[in-house]
Protein backbone atom coordinates (compact mmCIF):
# COMPACT_ATOMS: atom_id res chain seq x y z
CA MET A 1 -13.87 54.06 -0.42
CA LYS A 2 -16.40 53.99 2.32
CA PRO A 3 -18.69 51.49 0.48
CA LEU A 4 -15.70 49.17 -0.19
CA LEU A 5 -14.62 49.37 3.51
CA GLY A 6 -18.16 48.61 4.44
CA LEU A 7 -18.42 45.61 2.21
CA VAL A 8 -14.97 44.29 3.50
CA SER A 9 -16.30 44.80 7.07
CA PHE A 10 -19.44 42.84 6.39
CA LEU A 11 -17.73 39.99 4.89
CA ALA A 12 -15.18 39.79 7.71
CA ILE A 13 -17.95 40.07 10.41
CA PHE A 14 -20.00 37.59 8.35
CA VAL A 15 -17.59 34.71 9.26
CA LEU A 16 -16.85 35.76 12.81
CA VAL A 17 -18.70 32.58 14.13
CA GLN A 18 -16.36 29.80 14.75
CA GLY A 19 -12.87 28.33 14.86
CA PHE A 20 -9.96 30.69 15.78
CA ALA A 21 -12.27 33.57 14.65
CA THR A 22 -11.22 32.46 11.07
CA THR A 23 -9.36 35.32 9.60
CA SER A 24 -7.26 38.39 10.44
CA TRP A 25 -9.76 40.39 8.35
CA SER A 26 -12.04 40.08 11.32
CA ARG A 27 -10.10 42.96 12.96
CA VAL A 28 -12.02 45.37 10.68
CA ALA A 29 -14.86 44.73 13.20
CA TRP A 30 -13.53 47.77 15.04
CA PHE A 31 -15.64 47.41 18.18
CA ILE A 32 -14.18 43.98 18.99
CA ASP A 33 -10.84 43.88 20.82
CA PHE A 34 -9.21 40.63 19.66
CA GLY A 35 -6.21 41.20 21.71
CA ASN A 36 -3.28 38.86 20.55
CA THR A 37 -5.46 36.52 18.49
CA HIS A 38 -3.82 34.52 15.87
CA PHE A 39 -6.44 33.61 13.28
CA HIS A 40 -6.39 30.61 11.04
CA ASP A 41 -4.95 32.48 8.18
CA ASP A 42 -2.27 33.83 10.59
CA GLN A 43 -1.51 30.16 11.45
CA MET A 44 -1.34 28.92 7.97
CA LYS A 45 0.89 31.84 6.74
CA THR A 46 3.28 31.42 9.55
CA ALA A 47 3.54 27.59 9.02
CA LEU A 48 3.83 27.91 5.22
CA CYS A 49 6.42 30.64 5.67
CA ILE A 50 8.64 28.45 7.91
CA ILE A 51 8.18 25.60 5.53
CA GLN A 52 9.21 27.62 2.59
CA TYR A 53 12.17 29.08 4.51
CA ARG A 54 13.55 25.68 5.54
CA PHE A 55 12.97 24.11 2.08
CA LEU A 56 15.01 26.92 0.50
CA LYS A 57 17.73 26.87 3.18
CA GLU A 58 18.10 23.07 2.65
CA MET A 59 18.52 23.53 -1.02
CA ASN A 60 21.04 26.43 -0.37
CA GLU A 61 18.68 28.69 -2.45
CA LEU A 62 17.74 31.49 0.05
CA ASP A 63 17.89 34.78 -1.96
CA ASP A 64 19.38 36.34 1.25
CA PRO A 65 21.52 33.55 2.80
CA SER A 66 21.94 35.65 6.09
CA LEU A 67 18.22 35.63 6.59
CA ALA A 68 17.23 34.04 9.91
CA GLU A 69 14.23 31.69 10.20
CA PRO A 70 11.01 33.63 10.52
CA SER A 71 9.50 33.72 13.86
CA TYR A 72 5.98 32.74 14.69
CA PHE A 73 3.23 35.17 13.58
CA GLN A 74 5.57 37.76 12.02
CA ASP A 75 5.14 38.98 8.56
CA CYS A 76 6.58 36.57 6.16
CA PRO A 77 9.76 37.82 4.37
CA ILE A 78 8.89 36.30 1.08
CA TYR A 79 10.96 38.74 -0.98
CA GLN A 80 14.02 38.14 1.03
CA MET A 81 13.55 34.39 0.79
CA VAL A 82 12.99 34.08 -2.97
CA GLY A 83 13.78 37.38 -4.62
CA LEU A 84 11.79 39.19 -7.26
CA LEU A 85 12.00 36.41 -9.82
CA HIS A 86 10.04 33.83 -7.79
CA TYR A 87 8.12 36.25 -5.46
CA TRP A 88 4.71 35.77 -7.01
CA ASP A 89 4.83 32.00 -7.10
CA ALA A 90 5.45 32.04 -3.38
CA TYR A 91 2.91 34.72 -2.73
CA TRP A 92 0.15 32.92 -4.66
CA ALA A 93 0.85 29.70 -2.74
CA HIS A 94 0.01 31.69 0.51
CA LEU A 95 -3.10 32.97 -0.91
CA ASN A 96 -4.32 29.73 -2.19
CA PHE A 97 -3.70 27.98 1.14
CA VAL A 98 -5.42 30.80 3.01
CA VAL A 99 -8.54 30.64 0.98
CA GLY A 100 -8.76 26.95 1.89
CA VAL A 101 -8.03 27.26 5.58
CA VAL A 102 -10.84 29.82 6.22
CA ALA A 103 -13.33 28.01 3.99
CA PRO A 104 -14.86 25.70 6.58
CA ASP A 105 -15.87 28.70 8.74
CA ASN A 106 -17.99 30.18 5.90
CA PRO A 107 -21.56 30.15 7.09
CA LEU A 108 -22.82 29.48 3.53
CA SER A 109 -20.74 26.33 3.32
CA SER A 110 -21.94 22.89 4.41
CA MET A 111 -18.60 22.54 6.04
CA HIS A 112 -19.49 25.16 8.63
CA GLY A 113 -22.18 23.19 10.35
CA ASN A 114 -20.31 19.87 10.15
CA ALA A 115 -18.47 18.77 13.27
CA ASN A 116 -15.99 16.56 11.30
CA TYR A 117 -14.50 19.73 9.81
CA HIS A 118 -13.70 21.18 13.27
CA PHE A 119 -13.04 18.25 15.51
CA ASP A 120 -16.06 19.27 17.47
CA ALA A 121 -18.56 17.18 19.45
CA GLU A 122 -16.00 14.48 20.24
CA GLN A 123 -15.96 13.38 16.49
CA PHE A 124 -12.29 12.55 16.65
CA GLN A 125 -12.23 9.33 14.75
CA THR A 126 -14.51 10.43 11.94
CA ALA A 127 -12.84 13.70 11.67
CA ASN A 128 -9.35 12.06 11.46
CA SER A 129 -10.65 9.50 8.95
CA GLN A 130 -11.86 12.26 6.86
CA ILE A 131 -8.54 14.09 6.83
CA PHE A 132 -6.76 10.76 6.10
CA LYS A 133 -9.08 10.05 3.06
CA HIS A 134 -8.59 13.48 1.74
CA ARG A 135 -4.86 13.14 2.25
CA GLN A 136 -4.86 9.90 0.17
CA ASP A 137 -6.77 11.81 -2.72
CA ILE A 138 -4.29 14.60 -2.49
CA LEU A 139 -1.31 12.41 -2.80
CA LYS A 140 -2.80 10.71 -5.86
CA MET A 141 -3.13 14.04 -7.57
CA ILE A 142 0.24 15.28 -6.63
CA LYS A 143 2.03 12.05 -7.58
CA GLY A 144 -0.08 11.32 -10.61
CA GLU A 145 0.35 12.61 -14.28
CA TYR A 146 2.42 15.81 -14.22
CA ASN A 147 0.20 18.03 -16.26
CA ILE A 148 -2.80 17.13 -14.13
CA PHE A 149 -0.86 17.95 -11.02
CA VAL A 150 0.24 21.35 -12.38
CA ASN A 151 -3.28 22.26 -13.45
CA SER A 152 -4.69 21.26 -10.12
CA PHE A 153 -2.57 23.51 -7.91
CA ILE A 154 -5.44 25.66 -6.72
CA ASN A 155 -7.69 22.74 -6.00
CA ILE A 156 -4.94 20.83 -4.17
CA ARG A 157 -3.98 23.86 -2.06
CA TYR A 158 -7.67 24.58 -1.26
CA GLN A 159 -8.27 21.10 -0.11
CA ILE A 160 -5.08 21.09 2.10
CA GLY A 161 -6.25 24.27 3.66
CA ILE A 162 -9.57 22.69 4.61
CA ASP A 163 -7.86 19.71 6.24
CA VAL A 164 -5.32 21.89 7.96
CA HIS A 165 -8.21 24.04 9.36
CA ALA A 166 -9.56 20.87 11.11
CA ILE A 167 -6.15 20.01 12.47
CA GLN A 168 -5.72 23.49 13.84
CA ASP A 169 -9.12 23.34 15.43
CA PHE A 170 -8.15 20.18 17.31
CA TYR A 171 -5.90 22.32 19.55
CA ALA A 172 -8.46 25.14 19.98
CA HIS A 173 -11.57 22.96 20.44
CA SER A 174 -10.24 20.05 22.42
CA ASN A 175 -8.87 19.80 25.98
CA TRP A 176 -5.45 18.79 24.55
CA VAL A 177 -3.84 21.96 26.02
CA GLU A 178 -5.72 21.80 29.25
CA MET A 179 -4.22 18.27 29.88
CA GLY A 180 -0.81 19.77 30.00
CA ASN A 181 0.41 18.79 26.56
CA ASN A 182 3.24 20.82 25.13
CA GLY A 183 3.52 18.92 21.94
CA ILE A 184 1.34 18.10 19.02
CA VAL A 185 -0.48 14.79 18.34
CA PRO A 186 1.78 12.76 15.95
CA LYS A 187 0.30 11.62 12.65
CA LEU A 188 -2.99 13.47 13.08
CA GLY A 189 -4.85 12.81 9.78
CA VAL A 190 -1.78 11.05 8.40
CA GLU A 191 -2.79 7.66 9.92
CA ASN A 192 -6.34 6.31 9.90
CA SER A 193 -6.24 5.75 13.67
CA LEU A 194 -6.08 7.74 16.85
CA ALA A 195 -4.74 4.89 19.04
CA ASN A 196 -1.88 7.16 20.33
CA ILE A 197 -4.20 9.47 22.21
CA PRO A 198 -6.55 8.67 25.07
CA LEU A 199 -10.06 9.50 23.88
CA GLN A 200 -12.87 10.22 26.27
CA VAL A 201 -15.60 7.61 26.58
CA ALA A 202 -18.49 8.86 24.52
CA ASN A 203 -21.18 8.56 27.10
CA GLY A 204 -19.37 10.07 30.04
CA ASP A 205 -19.75 13.63 31.50
CA THR A 206 -16.88 15.92 30.52
CA CYS A 207 -17.48 19.47 32.03
CA ASN A 208 -18.69 21.16 35.05
CA GLU A 209 -21.03 24.27 35.08
CA CYS A 210 -19.52 27.65 34.61
CA GLU A 211 -20.99 30.80 36.25
CA ARG A 212 -20.31 34.43 35.42
CA SER A 213 -18.96 34.77 38.95
CA ASP A 214 -16.00 32.84 37.74
CA MET A 215 -14.87 35.94 35.90
CA ASN A 216 -12.15 37.91 37.55
CA LYS A 217 -12.53 41.66 38.33
CA THR A 218 -11.08 42.84 34.88
CA GLU A 219 -13.07 40.28 32.89
CA GLN A 220 -16.37 41.25 34.80
CA GLU A 221 -15.74 44.84 33.91
CA ILE A 222 -15.16 44.15 30.28
CA TYR A 223 -18.32 42.01 30.06
CA ASN A 224 -20.45 44.52 32.01
CA ALA A 225 -19.39 47.27 29.71
CA SER A 226 -20.87 45.50 26.75
CA LEU A 227 -24.25 45.18 28.37
CA THR A 228 -25.55 48.64 27.33
CA ASN A 229 -28.19 48.63 24.66
CA TRP A 230 -25.85 50.35 22.21
CA TRP A 231 -23.14 47.68 22.58
CA ARG A 232 -25.58 44.72 22.88
CA SER A 233 -27.33 45.59 19.59
CA ARG A 234 -23.96 45.52 17.79
CA TRP A 235 -23.00 42.31 19.33
CA ASP A 236 -26.36 40.68 18.39
CA LYS A 237 -26.07 41.97 14.80
CA ILE A 238 -22.89 39.79 14.30
CA GLY A 239 -24.50 36.78 16.04
CA CYS A 240 -22.61 37.21 19.17
CA HIS A 241 -25.09 36.89 22.11
CA LEU A 242 -23.85 38.16 25.39
CA GLU A 243 -26.05 35.62 27.35
CA ASN A 244 -23.70 32.83 25.86
CA VAL A 245 -20.50 34.47 27.11
CA TYR A 246 -18.56 32.81 30.04
CA VAL A 247 -15.11 32.64 31.31
CA CYS A 248 -14.44 29.17 32.48
CA ARG A 249 -11.53 27.91 34.64
CA ASN A 250 -11.09 24.31 35.82
CA ASN A 251 -14.47 23.42 34.30
CA ILE A 252 -13.17 20.22 32.73
CA LYS A 253 -13.72 17.08 34.77
CA SER A 254 -10.57 15.48 36.03
CA GLY A 255 -9.48 12.01 34.92
CA ILE A 256 -11.17 12.04 31.56
CA GLY A 257 -9.48 11.52 28.23
CA VAL A 258 -9.39 13.88 25.24
CA THR A 259 -12.64 15.60 24.70
CA SER A 260 -13.99 18.52 22.62
CA GLY A 261 -16.98 20.84 22.80
CA TYR A 262 -20.31 20.75 21.06
CA TYR A 263 -21.41 23.67 19.02
CA GLY A 264 -25.02 24.74 18.65
CA GLY A 265 -26.53 24.18 15.19
CA GLU A 266 -24.00 21.71 14.02
CA ASN A 267 -24.87 18.19 12.77
CA VAL A 268 -24.11 16.53 16.05
CA ALA A 269 -26.30 17.96 18.90
CA LYS A 270 -25.07 18.42 22.50
CA PRO A 271 -26.56 15.55 24.54
CA ASN A 272 -28.47 16.34 27.86
CA GLY A 273 -26.26 16.34 30.89
CA GLY A 274 -22.60 17.21 31.44
CA LYS A 275 -20.88 17.47 28.07
CA CYS A 276 -18.70 20.47 27.25
CA SER A 277 -19.79 23.18 24.82
CA HIS A 278 -17.65 24.85 22.51
CA GLY A 279 -18.65 28.19 24.04
CA GLY A 280 -18.50 31.85 23.18
CA GLY A 281 -21.27 34.43 22.09
CA PRO A 282 -22.13 32.66 18.85
CA ASP A 283 -22.67 29.13 20.46
CA SER A 284 -26.18 28.63 21.33
CA SER A 285 -25.32 25.46 23.18
CA ALA A 286 -23.20 27.45 25.84
CA ASN A 287 -26.21 27.91 28.10
CA SER A 288 -27.28 24.30 28.12
CA PRO A 289 -25.82 21.97 30.79
CA ALA A 290 -22.86 22.07 31.30
CA LYS A 291 -22.98 25.80 30.73
CA GLY A 292 -19.83 27.62 29.51
CA GLY A 293 -17.46 25.84 27.16
CA ILE A 294 -13.68 25.00 26.47
CA SER A 295 -12.96 26.98 23.25
CA LYS A 296 -9.64 28.65 22.80
CA ASP A 297 -10.36 30.19 19.39
CA ALA A 298 -9.52 33.76 20.14
CA ASP A 299 -7.77 35.97 22.70
CA THR A 300 -11.05 37.53 23.78
CA LEU A 301 -13.56 36.28 26.32
CA PHE A 302 -16.57 37.04 23.87
CA TYR A 303 -15.57 34.25 21.49
CA ALA A 304 -13.59 31.84 23.74
CA PRO A 305 -14.40 30.74 27.37
CA HIS A 306 -10.68 29.49 27.69
CA TYR A 307 -9.37 32.67 25.86
CA TYR A 308 -6.42 32.79 28.29
CA LEU A 309 -4.95 29.54 26.55
CA HIS A 310 -5.38 30.86 23.03
CA ASN A 311 -1.61 31.51 22.52
CA PRO A 312 -0.50 28.00 23.43
CA ALA A 313 -3.26 26.46 21.39
CA ALA A 314 -2.37 28.69 18.37
CA LYS A 315 1.32 27.73 18.61
CA LEU A 316 0.54 24.10 18.69
CA ALA A 317 -1.71 24.59 15.70
CA VAL A 318 1.27 26.05 13.69
CA ASP A 319 3.55 23.18 14.78
CA ALA A 320 0.91 20.73 13.69
CA THR A 321 0.54 22.46 10.37
CA ILE A 322 4.24 22.39 9.73
CA GLN A 323 4.17 18.71 10.61
CA TYR A 324 1.34 18.16 8.22
CA PHE A 325 3.42 19.64 5.32
CA ASN A 326 6.61 17.62 6.45
CA ASP A 327 4.65 14.37 6.31
CA LEU A 328 3.26 15.37 2.97
CA ARG A 329 6.69 15.91 1.66
CA THR A 330 7.89 12.59 2.94
CA SER A 331 5.04 10.78 1.12
CA ILE A 332 5.40 12.73 -2.10
CA GLU A 333 9.08 11.64 -2.53
CA ASP A 334 9.55 14.30 -5.05
CA ASP A 335 11.12 17.61 -3.98
CA LYS A 336 10.26 19.20 -7.37
CA ARG A 337 6.53 18.56 -6.97
CA PHE A 338 6.56 19.48 -3.26
CA GLY A 339 8.37 22.65 -3.99
CA GLN A 340 5.82 23.53 -6.73
CA LEU A 341 3.11 22.80 -4.34
CA ILE A 342 4.38 25.36 -1.82
CA GLY A 343 5.19 28.00 -4.38
CA ILE A 344 8.97 27.26 -4.58
CA LYS A 345 10.67 26.28 -7.80
CA VAL A 346 13.29 23.57 -7.06
CA PRO A 347 16.53 24.75 -8.70
CA LYS A 348 18.46 22.18 -10.86
CA SER A 349 22.05 21.88 -11.62
CA ILE A 350 24.20 19.61 -13.69
CA SER A 351 27.86 18.60 -13.32
CA ILE A 352 29.99 17.27 -16.20
CA MET A 353 33.35 15.68 -15.62
CA ILE A 354 35.51 14.69 -18.60
CA ASP A 355 38.73 12.62 -18.76
CA THR A 356 41.17 14.44 -20.93
CA THR A 357 44.21 11.99 -20.75
CA GLY A 358 45.65 10.61 -23.83
CA SER A 359 43.67 7.37 -23.81
CA MET A 360 40.50 9.41 -24.51
CA GLU A 361 41.94 10.63 -27.84
CA ASP A 362 39.64 8.51 -29.88
CA SER A 363 36.54 9.32 -27.78
CA ILE A 364 37.09 12.90 -26.62
CA ALA A 365 35.09 14.37 -29.39
CA ALA A 366 32.16 12.08 -28.90
CA ALA A 367 32.32 12.63 -25.17
CA LYS A 368 32.31 16.39 -25.52
CA THR A 369 29.29 16.16 -27.86
CA ALA A 370 27.54 13.93 -25.47
CA ALA A 371 28.26 16.26 -22.59
CA ILE A 372 26.97 19.20 -24.48
CA ASN A 373 23.74 17.37 -25.35
CA LEU A 374 23.31 16.72 -21.59
CA VAL A 375 23.84 20.41 -20.87
CA MET A 376 21.39 21.52 -23.45
CA GLN A 377 18.77 19.12 -22.31
CA ALA A 378 19.12 20.45 -18.89
CA ALA A 379 19.14 24.18 -19.99
CA ASN A 380 15.49 24.79 -19.48
CA ASP A 381 15.44 23.67 -15.86
CA SER A 382 18.90 24.21 -14.61
CA ASN A 383 20.56 27.46 -13.34
CA LEU A 384 24.00 26.13 -12.28
CA TYR A 385 26.40 24.10 -14.44
CA TYR A 386 29.68 22.58 -13.22
CA LEU A 387 32.55 21.28 -15.28
CA THR A 388 35.57 19.33 -14.00
CA PRO A 389 38.37 18.39 -16.35
CA ILE A 390 40.33 15.28 -15.31
CA ASN A 391 44.00 14.75 -16.24
CA ASP A 392 46.89 13.04 -14.53
CA PRO A 393 48.47 14.28 -12.33
CA ASP A 394 46.38 17.48 -12.44
CA TYR A 395 42.68 17.72 -12.32
CA GLY A 396 40.04 20.36 -11.91
CA PRO A 397 39.24 22.99 -10.92
CA VAL A 398 35.53 22.72 -10.62
CA TYR A 399 34.22 25.43 -12.89
CA THR A 400 30.87 27.01 -12.18
CA PHE A 401 28.59 28.70 -14.66
CA THR A 402 25.15 30.19 -14.48
CA ASN A 403 24.31 29.69 -18.11
CA ALA A 404 24.65 26.88 -20.56
CA THR A 405 26.43 28.81 -23.25
CA ASP A 406 29.48 29.52 -21.20
CA MET A 407 29.57 25.90 -20.07
CA VAL A 408 29.41 24.55 -23.67
CA ASN A 409 32.20 27.02 -24.70
CA LEU A 410 34.56 25.64 -22.20
CA ILE A 411 33.68 22.06 -22.87
CA ASN A 412 34.58 22.81 -26.59
CA THR A 413 38.12 23.75 -25.58
CA LEU A 414 38.93 20.40 -24.09
CA THR A 415 41.49 18.20 -25.67
CA ALA A 416 42.94 14.82 -24.89
CA ASP A 417 46.68 14.66 -23.91
CA GLY A 418 48.88 13.53 -21.04
CA GLY A 419 48.38 10.95 -18.41
CA GLY A 420 50.52 8.02 -19.33
CA ASP A 421 49.58 5.25 -16.83
CA THR A 422 46.27 3.58 -17.02
CA PRO A 423 44.86 4.67 -13.64
CA GLU A 424 43.86 8.41 -13.71
CA GLN A 425 42.62 10.87 -11.06
CA GLN A 426 38.85 10.38 -11.37
CA PHE A 427 38.31 9.71 -7.55
CA PRO A 428 40.36 12.71 -6.42
CA ALA A 429 38.44 14.80 -8.94
CA LEU A 430 35.10 13.30 -7.80
CA LEU A 431 35.86 14.23 -4.24
CA GLU A 432 36.49 17.86 -5.11
CA THR A 433 33.47 17.94 -7.29
CA VAL A 434 30.92 16.57 -4.71
CA GLN A 435 32.41 18.87 -2.06
CA ASN A 436 31.73 21.96 -4.20
CA ILE A 437 28.61 21.40 -6.17
CA ARG A 438 24.98 22.01 -5.06
CA ASP A 439 22.93 19.45 -3.21
CA GLY A 440 20.81 17.28 -5.63
CA THR A 441 23.03 17.58 -8.58
CA ASN A 442 23.48 14.80 -11.15
CA ILE A 443 27.19 14.13 -12.07
CA TYR A 444 28.05 12.67 -15.39
CA LEU A 445 31.68 11.45 -15.61
CA PHE A 446 33.15 10.49 -19.08
CA THR A 447 36.19 8.28 -18.86
CA ASP A 448 37.60 5.00 -20.15
CA ALA A 449 39.96 4.17 -17.29
CA THR A 450 40.12 3.29 -13.52
CA SER A 451 41.54 5.68 -10.97
CA HIS A 452 44.15 6.19 -8.39
CA HIS A 453 43.01 6.46 -4.70
CA GLN A 454 40.56 3.84 -4.22
CA GLU A 455 40.54 4.74 -0.58
CA LEU A 456 38.50 7.96 -1.34
CA GLY A 457 35.44 5.79 -2.38
CA PRO A 458 33.68 5.83 0.98
CA GLN A 459 34.21 9.52 1.46
CA ILE A 460 32.75 10.29 -1.95
CA HIS A 461 29.83 8.09 -1.32
CA ASN A 462 29.09 9.57 2.08
CA ILE A 463 29.24 13.20 0.76
CA ALA A 464 27.15 12.39 -2.22
CA THR A 465 24.41 10.52 -0.40
CA LYS A 466 24.22 13.19 2.27
CA LYS A 467 23.92 15.90 -0.57
CA LYS A 468 21.58 13.60 -2.69
CA ILE A 469 24.02 13.75 -5.49
CA SER A 470 23.89 10.93 -8.11
CA ILE A 471 27.06 9.82 -9.83
CA ASN A 472 26.70 8.42 -13.43
CA PHE A 473 29.66 6.88 -15.16
CA MET A 474 29.62 7.22 -18.96
CA MET A 475 32.32 4.71 -19.98
CA SER A 476 33.65 4.78 -23.52
CA GLY A 477 35.97 1.71 -22.59
CA GLU A 478 37.28 -0.16 -19.64
CA ASN A 479 41.02 0.34 -19.59
CA THR A 480 41.66 -1.20 -16.11
CA VAL A 481 44.38 -2.61 -13.85
CA PHE A 482 42.24 -5.57 -12.70
CA MET A 483 42.26 -6.34 -9.01
CA ASP A 484 40.39 -9.32 -7.87
CA LYS A 485 37.79 -8.76 -5.23
CA SER A 486 35.50 -11.29 -3.49
CA LYS A 487 31.93 -11.47 -4.75
CA ALA A 488 30.80 -11.74 -1.17
CA GLN A 489 32.18 -8.23 -0.38
CA LEU A 490 30.39 -6.81 -3.49
CA ARG A 491 27.15 -8.46 -2.55
CA GLN A 492 27.26 -7.09 0.95
CA GLY A 493 27.84 -3.57 -0.34
CA ALA A 494 31.36 -3.41 1.40
CA TRP A 495 34.08 -1.26 -0.02
CA PRO A 496 37.08 -3.36 -0.44
CA PHE A 497 40.51 -1.69 0.00
CA SER A 498 43.87 -2.42 -1.64
CA ASN A 499 47.07 -2.51 0.13
CA ASP A 500 49.30 -1.34 -2.69
CA ASP A 501 48.72 1.53 -5.19
CA SER A 502 45.09 1.83 -4.01
CA ILE A 503 43.75 1.53 -7.63
CA THR A 504 40.08 1.38 -8.34
CA THR A 505 38.47 -1.25 -10.57
CA ILE A 506 35.30 -1.08 -12.69
CA GLU A 507 33.40 -2.56 -9.65
CA ASP A 508 34.21 0.49 -7.63
CA TYR A 509 32.68 2.66 -10.18
CA LYS A 510 29.60 0.40 -10.35
CA LEU A 511 29.30 0.46 -6.43
CA LEU A 512 29.51 4.15 -6.50
CA ALA A 513 26.88 4.56 -9.14
CA LEU A 514 24.54 2.12 -7.30
CA GLY A 515 25.12 3.70 -3.94
CA THR A 516 24.21 7.18 -5.12
CA GLY A 517 21.26 6.22 -7.35
CA GLY A 518 23.33 6.81 -10.55
CA LEU A 519 24.01 4.61 -13.59
CA TYR A 520 26.96 2.85 -14.92
CA LEU A 521 26.87 2.92 -18.79
CA LEU A 522 29.44 1.21 -20.98
CA THR A 523 29.53 2.02 -24.68
CA ASN A 524 32.28 2.43 -27.31
CA TYR A 525 33.17 5.97 -28.42
CA ALA A 526 31.18 5.58 -31.64
CA ASN A 527 27.94 5.20 -29.71
CA ILE A 528 28.60 7.38 -26.70
CA ASN A 529 26.89 10.34 -28.22
CA ALA A 530 23.73 8.38 -29.07
CA THR A 531 23.68 7.16 -25.54
CA ALA A 532 23.91 10.69 -24.14
CA LYS A 533 21.06 11.88 -26.37
CA VAL A 534 18.63 9.66 -24.41
CA VAL A 535 20.22 9.54 -20.98
CA SER A 536 18.19 10.72 -17.99
CA GLN A 537 16.97 9.33 -14.69
CA ALA A 538 13.57 9.00 -16.23
CA ASN A 539 14.32 7.19 -19.51
CA TRP A 540 17.39 5.17 -18.94
CA GLN A 541 15.79 2.00 -20.23
CA SER A 542 16.09 3.59 -23.61
CA ILE A 543 19.89 3.53 -23.34
CA LEU A 544 19.69 -0.22 -22.77
CA PHE A 545 17.65 -0.78 -25.79
CA GLU A 546 19.85 1.34 -28.12
CA ASN A 547 23.18 0.00 -27.08
CA PHE A 548 22.26 -3.65 -26.55
CA VAL A 549 20.49 -3.81 -29.86
CA ALA A 550 23.37 -2.16 -31.67
CA SER A 551 25.84 -4.99 -31.01
CA SER A 552 25.48 -8.12 -29.07
CA ASN A 553 29.01 -7.66 -27.72
CA ASN A 554 28.57 -3.99 -26.93
CA PHE A 555 26.72 -4.30 -23.62
CA THR A 556 25.47 -1.21 -21.74
CA TRP A 557 25.70 -2.17 -17.98
CA ALA A 558 23.13 -0.34 -16.11
CA PHE A 559 22.17 -1.18 -12.62
CA PRO A 560 18.68 -0.12 -11.30
CA VAL A 561 18.57 1.21 -7.78
CA SER A 562 15.56 -1.02 -6.97
CA MET A 563 14.21 -4.40 -8.24
CA LYS A 564 10.91 -2.61 -9.16
CA GLY A 565 13.00 -0.52 -11.60
CA PHE A 566 14.70 -3.79 -13.00
CA GLU A 567 11.41 -5.57 -13.42
CA SER A 568 9.91 -2.58 -15.38
CA MET A 569 12.79 -2.41 -17.60
CA TYR A 570 12.88 -6.29 -18.06
CA ARG A 571 9.32 -6.28 -19.22
CA ALA A 572 9.99 -3.31 -21.43
CA ILE A 573 12.73 -5.16 -23.23
CA ILE A 574 10.54 -8.20 -23.85
CA ALA A 575 7.62 -6.19 -25.07
CA THR A 576 9.70 -3.90 -27.31
CA HIS A 577 12.37 -6.23 -28.73
CA LYS A 578 11.09 -9.73 -27.89
CA ASN A 579 14.80 -10.47 -26.98
CA VAL A 580 14.77 -13.04 -24.18
CA ASP A 581 18.48 -13.65 -24.75
CA LEU A 582 19.20 -9.97 -24.18
CA CYS A 583 17.19 -10.09 -20.92
CA GLU A 584 19.07 -13.20 -19.73
CA LYS A 585 22.46 -11.46 -20.23
CA LEU A 586 21.20 -8.44 -18.34
CA GLU A 587 19.61 -10.47 -15.50
CA ASN A 588 22.80 -12.49 -15.06
CA SER A 589 25.00 -9.44 -14.84
CA ILE A 590 22.73 -7.87 -12.21
CA ARG A 591 22.57 -11.09 -10.23
CA ARG A 592 26.36 -11.13 -10.17
CA THR A 593 26.55 -7.66 -8.88
CA HIS A 594 23.45 -7.55 -6.65
CA ASN A 595 22.92 -11.21 -5.72
CA SER A 596 19.24 -10.14 -6.62
CA THR A 597 16.32 -12.26 -7.69
CA VAL A 598 13.67 -11.33 -10.15
């Protein structure tokens, strides 16, 4: 046991040289009182824990829903957040990111002596540009081919850790905190510009000299106690030289912009004159003019001349780390991949709604088979399944299952009967469904008729968009009470209202599908099962191919959310079927609904 402890102690002390003292393992250097130091790994673990918590809470997936958001620098309650099943995924994400965030302070790495990895030596623009470039590369890997992304987890997390290290160092190595700033620099490393912060002119002096007489009584006593031969030899062995130790107050010149300290031995040397040093025992530049330094790396005077500002700097570093991940999530535009990146499996769910009125008698069997196909396709990724039967006047309830087998068993019991009039209860049933299902669920509604209560459309749309629910209409016919609506209203995305029975039309379904990122699919009952076999958000073009080719009169109306999606599908039809007439019909239908141009 003693040899192992000695090895761990040696490795921890080996990296005790720069940047928030690197890692909490440094505490095994028993003769150093680090006080309330929050190391790089502490900052990363705190930020990642909060990111994971907020992500799970947003998805309504906290294993313990009563769990409060973790506080800064407390142990991360991973088990309470994700439970036993997903514990190791979340834990390994912490470990991977931590390995990266401490890497730039490894003395054996070329990053250690490079000011760009630490925001040292006033290298703000080059350091920021480096993070920006790395971020672009990271995004390409995350958003690229899925298998490559999955197989690159460790490398991606490692690189993110390296870049986050520099972002954290900005707050410990610059005078941002001393300038009275309580918030972080927005878009640091996200944009290839620092125009939003006032940078110090490169040639100007930035610091005044520090003297040991600047220490207060308590600090002087602590420093003097370390000057004995026994203590000095131990400090020297870990590269912390007491002649470089100062406590500095008010040593930054007034009226300057944002500056950072120079560190002895890095690739950018400290100029002669009045530039600030990083400071602390390991920094050989601390004794050259201007003596002292401005580092806030640790809560000990031996490593940080501004040690008394360590806590606010560390908290800003955590805030900046959280913001880095938030910006990354926004740029990825895929919560499944972002969740995997931070060690959280994004849960999936599927909602099936089936019209069981008498008009579905000829298509109920095909609709049930199609619905079962959708459920089974989702079985590997989903852990919640919802089923809402729709009749008239009765509908619902919204059944909830945790396994596909129980869902399929209930679908198989459905029969078509009742109703009577053409409008049914799809919109009331939809409202109840969107209110009760999980965020991010895809709804597939099988019907052949319009609905009562058109006035519920905006409410359904608002709830669905807020909860990121897509609504897909799987139509086996269009039994409708037609109500004329102005094309101008449809083009403007308005929701027209009726003054009589408030009955929906097919256009209401199309608008709701469009507004929630879903699809409107029209096929006959003979083809509905074939349609469902291929339907997904990723391959909906295939539905168009299959149904359009089956019969020139059997159109599958599908409206892409963006023109980019339409253009991709348009080109695919021409390439696959050489069917220009088909494309023209599709284009004309979309123009009528969207007033779009290709």
